[in-house]
Amino acid sequence: GGLVQAGGSLRLSCAASVLFSFNDM
C-alpha cells in the first residue's frame, strides 16, 4: 500500500504465515 497519484499503479501482496490450503482468496 501507499500514496499514489491518480492514474498511477500499485501492487498489493498478501502472504500467509504458514503453508495452508485455502479455497478462495
PDB file of all heavy atoms in Angstrom:
ATOM      1  N   GLY A   1       0.824  -1.206   0.000  1.00  0.00           N
ATOM      2  CA  GLY A   1       0.000   0.000   0.000  1.00  0.00           C
ATOM      3  C   GLY A   1       0.852   1.247   0.000  1.00  0.00           C
ATOM      4  O   GLY A   1       2.075   1.198   0.105  1.00  0.00           O
ATOM      5  N   GLY A   2       0.192   2.395  -0.126  1.00  0.00           N
ATOM      6  CA  GLY A   2       0.919   3.653  -0.100  1.00  0.00           C
ATOM      7  C   GLY A   2       0.142   4.776  -0.740  1.00  0.00           C
ATOM      8  O   GLY A   2      -1.074   4.671  -0.950  1.00  0.00           O
ATOM      9  N   LEU A   3       0.858   5.857  -1.034  1.00  0.00           N
ATOM     10  CA  LEU A   3       0.275   7.051  -1.645  1.00  0.00           C
ATOM     11  C   LEU A   3       0.682   7.099  -3.109  1.00  0.00           C
ATOM     12  O   LEU A   3       1.864   6.939  -3.439  1.00  0.00           O
ATOM     13  CB  LEU A   3       0.774   8.296  -0.925  1.00  0.00           C
ATOM     14  CG  LEU A   3       0.392   9.654  -1.512  1.00  0.00           C
ATOM     15  CD1 LEU A   3      -1.116   9.843  -1.466  1.00  0.00           C
ATOM     16  CD2 LEU A   3       1.110  10.775  -0.762  1.00  0.00           C
ATOM     17  N   VAL A   4      -0.298   7.324  -3.977  1.00  0.00           N
ATOM     18  CA  VAL A   4      -0.027   7.377  -5.410  1.00  0.00           C
ATOM     19  C   VAL A   4      -0.930   8.435  -6.042  1.00  0.00           C
ATOM     20  O   VAL A   4      -2.027   8.704  -5.531  1.00  0.00           O
ATOM     21  CB  VAL A   4      -0.256   5.992  -6.054  1.00  0.00           C
ATOM     22  CG1 VAL A   4      -1.706   5.574  -5.963  1.00  0.00           C
ATOM     23  CG2 VAL A   4       0.239   5.958  -7.492  1.00  0.00           C
ATOM     24  N   GLN A   5      -0.475   9.023  -7.124  1.00  0.00           N
ATOM     25  CA  GLN A   5      -1.300   9.983  -7.841  1.00  0.00           C
ATOM     26  C   GLN A   5      -2.330   9.272  -8.704  1.00  0.00           C
ATOM     27  O   GLN A   5      -2.122   8.123  -9.121  1.00  0.00           O
ATOM     28  CB  GLN A   5      -0.431  10.883  -8.708  1.00  0.00           C
ATOM     29  CG  GLN A   5       0.403  11.877  -7.914  1.00  0.00           C
ATOM     30  CD  GLN A   5       1.111  12.873  -8.825  1.00  0.00           C
ATOM     31  OE1 GLN A   5       1.408  12.574  -9.975  1.00  0.00           O
ATOM     32  NE2 GLN A   5       1.382  14.053  -8.294  1.00  0.00           N
ATOM     33  N   ALA A   6      -3.411   9.957  -8.978  1.00  0.00           N
ATOM     34  CA  ALA A   6      -4.442   9.411  -9.854  1.00  0.00           C
ATOM     35  C   ALA A   6      -3.809   9.012 -11.185  1.00  0.00           C
ATOM     36  O   ALA A   6      -2.966   9.745 -11.737  1.00  0.00           O
ATOM     37  CB  ALA A   6      -5.546  10.427 -10.073  1.00  0.00           C
ATOM     38  N   GLY A   7      -4.216   7.840 -11.686  1.00  0.00           N
ATOM     39  CA  GLY A   7      -3.652   7.304 -12.915  1.00  0.00           C
ATOM     40  C   GLY A   7      -2.476   6.379 -12.690  1.00  0.00           C
ATOM     41  O   GLY A   7      -2.035   5.701 -13.623  1.00  0.00           O
ATOM     42  N   GLY A   8      -1.981   6.358 -11.476  1.00  0.00           N
ATOM     43  CA  GLY A   8      -0.832   5.523 -11.153  1.00  0.00           C
ATOM     44  C   GLY A   8      -1.210   4.094 -10.836  1.00  0.00           C
ATOM     45  O   GLY A   8      -2.379   3.692 -10.954  1.00  0.00           O
ATOM     46  N   SER A   9      -0.203   3.316 -10.424  1.00  0.00           N
ATOM     47  CA  SER A   9      -0.393   1.892 -10.153  1.00  0.00           C
ATOM     48  C   SER A   9       0.225   1.507  -8.818  1.00  0.00           C
ATOM     49  O   SER A   9       1.193   2.132  -8.363  1.00  0.00           O
ATOM     50  CB  SER A   9       0.268   1.053 -11.255  1.00  0.00           C
ATOM     51  OG  SER A   9      -0.311   1.297 -12.513  1.00  0.00           O
ATOM     52  N   LEU A  10      -0.347   0.478  -8.226  1.00  0.00           N
ATOM     53  CA  LEU A  10       0.204  -0.150  -7.030  1.00  0.00           C
ATOM     54  C   LEU A  10      -0.041  -1.650  -7.132  1.00  0.00           C
ATOM     55  O   LEU A  10      -1.000  -2.087  -7.776  1.00  0.00           O
ATOM     56  CB  LEU A  10      -0.464   0.376  -5.755  1.00  0.00           C
ATOM     57  CG  LEU A  10      -0.079   1.763  -5.237  1.00  0.00           C
ATOM     58  CD1 LEU A  10      -0.975   2.142  -4.058  1.00  0.00           C
ATOM     59  CD2 LEU A  10       1.379   1.811  -4.837  1.00  0.00           C
ATOM     60  N   ARG A  11       0.811  -2.412  -6.460  1.00  0.00           N
ATOM     61  CA  ARG A  11       0.613  -3.853  -6.386  1.00  0.00           C
ATOM     62  C   ARG A  11       0.594  -4.275  -4.921  1.00  0.00           C
ATOM     63  O   ARG A  11       1.577  -4.062  -4.204  1.00  0.00           O
ATOM     64  CB  ARG A  11       1.722  -4.594  -7.133  1.00  0.00           C
ATOM     65  CG  ARG A  11       1.472  -6.096  -7.257  1.00  0.00           C
ATOM     66  CD  ARG A  11       2.670  -6.799  -7.810  1.00  0.00           C
ATOM     67  NE  ARG A  11       2.376  -8.170  -8.234  1.00  0.00           N
ATOM     68  CZ  ARG A  11       3.201  -9.183  -8.099  1.00  0.00           C
ATOM     69  NH1 ARG A  11       4.387  -8.999  -7.546  1.00  0.00           N
ATOM     70  NH2 ARG A  11       2.865 -10.391  -8.518  1.00  0.00           N
ATOM     71  N   LEU A  12      -0.507  -4.854  -4.516  1.00  0.00           N
ATOM     72  CA  LEU A  12      -0.637  -5.354  -3.154  1.00  0.00           C
ATOM     73  C   LEU A  12      -0.298  -6.847  -3.128  1.00  0.00           C
ATOM     74  O   LEU A  12      -0.618  -7.581  -4.070  1.00  0.00           O
ATOM     75  CB  LEU A  12      -2.054  -5.150  -2.633  1.00  0.00           C
ATOM     76  CG  LEU A  12      -2.602  -3.727  -2.659  1.00  0.00           C
ATOM     77  CD1 LEU A  12      -4.003  -3.705  -2.033  1.00  0.00           C
ATOM     78  CD2 LEU A  12      -1.688  -2.759  -1.952  1.00  0.00           C
ATOM     79  N   SER A  13       0.330  -7.257  -2.038  1.00  0.00           N
ATOM     80  CA  SER A  13       0.633  -8.665  -1.818  1.00  0.00           C
ATOM     81  C   SER A  13       0.116  -9.091  -0.453  1.00  0.00           C
ATOM     82  O   SER A  13       0.072  -8.281   0.480  1.00  0.00           O
ATOM     83  CB  SER A  13       2.143  -8.905  -1.876  1.00  0.00           C
ATOM     84  OG  SER A  13       2.677  -8.563  -3.124  1.00  0.00           O
ATOM     85  N   CYS A  14      -0.257 -10.333  -0.349  1.00  0.00           N
ATOM     86  CA  CYS A  14      -0.723 -10.883   0.925  1.00  0.00           C
ATOM     87  C   CYS A  14      -0.206 -12.310   1.038  1.00  0.00           C
ATOM     88  O   CYS A  14      -0.549 -13.154   0.204  1.00  0.00           O
ATOM     89  CB  CYS A  14      -2.237 -10.850   0.989  1.00  0.00           C
ATOM     90  SG  CYS A  14      -2.939 -11.740   2.395  1.00  0.00           S
ATOM     91  N   ALA A  15       0.592 -12.551   2.064  1.00  0.00           N
ATOM     92  CA  ALA A  15       1.191 -13.860   2.250  1.00  0.00           C
ATOM     93  C   ALA A  15       0.727 -14.460   3.573  1.00  0.00           C
ATOM     94  O   ALA A  15       0.685 -13.766   4.602  1.00  0.00           O
ATOM     95  CB  ALA A  15       2.711 -13.746   2.240  1.00  0.00           C
ATOM     96  N   ALA A  16       0.401 -15.732   3.538  1.00  0.00           N
ATOM     97  CA  ALA A  16       0.035 -16.444   4.762  1.00  0.00           C
ATOM     98  C   ALA A  16       1.292 -16.843   5.518  1.00  0.00           C
ATOM     99  O   ALA A  16       2.307 -17.174   4.913  1.00  0.00           O
ATOM    100  CB  ALA A  16      -0.797 -17.670   4.433  1.00  0.00           C
ATOM    101  N   SER A  17       1.194 -16.817   6.839  1.00  0.00           N
ATOM    102  CA  SER A  17       2.370 -17.087   7.671  1.00  0.00           C
ATOM    103  C   SER A  17       2.753 -18.556   7.683  1.00  0.00           C
ATOM    104  O   SER A  17       3.872 -18.915   8.047  1.00  0.00           O
ATOM    105  CB  SER A  17       2.109 -16.616   9.105  1.00  0.00           C
ATOM    106  OG  SER A  17       0.963 -17.260   9.635  1.00  0.00           O
ATOM    107  N   VAL A  18       1.807 -19.430   7.313  1.00  0.00           N
ATOM    108  CA  VAL A  18       2.079 -20.861   7.257  1.00  0.00           C
ATOM    109  C   VAL A  18       1.520 -21.408   5.958  1.00  0.00           C
ATOM    110  O   VAL A  18       0.617 -20.822   5.363  1.00  0.00           O
ATOM    111  CB  VAL A  18       1.452 -21.604   8.457  1.00  0.00           C
ATOM    112  CG1 VAL A  18       2.089 -21.150   9.756  1.00  0.00           C
ATOM    113  CG2 VAL A  18      -0.049 -21.410   8.496  1.00  0.00           C
ATOM    114  N   LEU A  19       2.053 -22.545   5.536  1.00  0.00           N
ATOM    115  CA  LEU A  19       1.501 -23.199   4.352  1.00  0.00           C
ATOM    116  C   LEU A  19       0.152 -23.786   4.713  1.00  0.00           C
ATOM    117  O   LEU A  19       0.037 -24.552   5.653  1.00  0.00           O
ATOM    118  CB  LEU A  19       2.459 -24.280   3.857  1.00  0.00           C
ATOM    119  CG  LEU A  19       3.731 -23.780   3.190  1.00  0.00           C
ATOM    120  CD1 LEU A  19       4.624 -24.953   2.798  1.00  0.00           C
ATOM    121  CD2 LEU A  19       3.419 -22.939   1.967  1.00  0.00           C
ATOM    122  N   PHE A  20      -0.864 -23.366   3.965  1.00  0.00           N
ATOM    123  CA  PHE A  20      -2.230 -23.767   4.285  1.00  0.00           C
ATOM    124  C   PHE A  20      -3.002 -23.849   2.987  1.00  0.00           C
ATOM    125  O   PHE A  20      -2.805 -23.047   2.085  1.00  0.00           O
ATOM    126  CB  PHE A  20      -2.851 -22.722   5.212  1.00  0.00           C
ATOM    127  CG  PHE A  20      -3.901 -23.273   6.133  1.00  0.00           C
ATOM    128  CD1 PHE A  20      -3.535 -23.903   7.305  1.00  0.00           C
ATOM    129  CD2 PHE A  20      -5.232 -23.151   5.824  1.00  0.00           C
ATOM    130  CE1 PHE A  20      -4.482 -24.410   8.161  1.00  0.00           C
ATOM    131  CE2 PHE A  20      -6.196 -23.662   6.676  1.00  0.00           C
ATOM    132  CZ  PHE A  20      -5.824 -24.288   7.854  1.00  0.00           C
ATOM    133  N   SER A  21      -3.902 -24.788   2.896  1.00  0.00           N
ATOM    134  CA  SER A  21      -4.664 -24.957   1.661  1.00  0.00           C
ATOM    135  C   SER A  21      -5.943 -24.129   1.723  1.00  0.00           C
ATOM    136  O   SER A  21      -6.977 -24.584   2.234  1.00  0.00           O
ATOM    137  CB  SER A  21      -4.990 -26.439   1.457  1.00  0.00           C
ATOM    138  OG  SER A  21      -5.694 -26.614   0.246  1.00  0.00           O
ATOM    139  N   PHE A  22      -5.852 -22.918   1.212  1.00  0.00           N
ATOM    140  CA  PHE A  22      -7.026 -22.063   1.181  1.00  0.00           C
ATOM    141  C   PHE A  22      -7.886 -22.346  -0.040  1.00  0.00           C
ATOM    142  O   PHE A  22      -7.382 -22.712  -1.096  1.00  0.00           O
ATOM    143  CB  PHE A  22      -6.614 -20.591   1.155  1.00  0.00           C
ATOM    144  CG  PHE A  22      -5.914 -20.137   2.392  1.00  0.00           C
ATOM    145  CD1 PHE A  22      -4.570 -19.814   2.340  1.00  0.00           C
ATOM    146  CD2 PHE A  22      -6.586 -20.028   3.592  1.00  0.00           C
ATOM    147  CE1 PHE A  22      -3.903 -19.390   3.472  1.00  0.00           C
ATOM    148  CE2 PHE A  22      -5.924 -19.600   4.736  1.00  0.00           C
ATOM    149  CZ  PHE A  22      -4.582 -19.286   4.676  1.00  0.00           C
ATOM    150  N   ASN A  23      -9.168 -22.137   0.098  1.00  0.00           N
ATOM    151  CA  ASN A  23     -10.064 -22.191  -1.049  1.00  0.00           C
ATOM    152  C   ASN A  23     -10.007 -20.829  -1.742  1.00  0.00           C
ATOM    153  O   ASN A  23      -9.079 -20.525  -2.447  1.00  0.00           O
ATOM    154  CB  ASN A  23     -11.466 -22.573  -0.611  1.00  0.00           C
ATOM    155  CG  ASN A  23     -11.508 -23.976  -0.066  1.00  0.00           C
ATOM    156  OD1 ASN A  23     -10.702 -24.830  -0.431  1.00  0.00           O
ATOM    157  ND2 ASN A  23     -12.431 -24.245   0.823  1.00  0.00           N
ATOM    158  N   ASP A  24     -10.978 -19.981  -1.495  1.00  0.00           N
ATOM    159  CA  ASP A  24     -10.948 -18.652  -2.090  1.00  0.00           C
ATOM    160  C   ASP A  24      -9.989 -17.734  -1.337  1.00  0.00           C
ATOM    161  O   ASP A  24      -9.851 -17.824  -0.120  1.00  0.00           O
ATOM    162  CB  ASP A  24     -12.341 -18.019  -2.061  1.00  0.00           C
ATOM    163  CG  ASP A  24     -13.324 -18.721  -2.983  1.00  0.00           C
ATOM    164  OD1 ASP A  24     -12.920 -19.725  -3.611  1.00  0.00           O
ATOM    165  OD2 ASP A  24     -14.478 -18.276  -3.063  1.00  0.00           O
ATOM    166  N   MET A  25      -9.363 -16.834  -2.076  1.00  0.00           N
ATOM    167  CA  MET A  25      -8.585 -15.737  -1.517  1.00  0.00           C
ATOM    168  C   MET A  25      -9.052 -14.460  -2.191  1.00  0.00           C
ATOM    169  O   MET A  25      -9.480 -14.494  -3.354  1.00  0.00           O
ATOM    170  CB  MET A  25      -7.078 -15.933  -1.720  1.00  0.00           C
ATOM    171  CG  MET A  25      -6.542 -17.208  -1.090  1.00  0.00           C
ATOM    172  SD  MET A  25      -4.748 -17.395  -1.256  1.00  0.00           S
ATOM    173  CE  MET A  25      -4.173 -16.283   0.043  1.00  0.00           C
TER     174      MET A  25
END
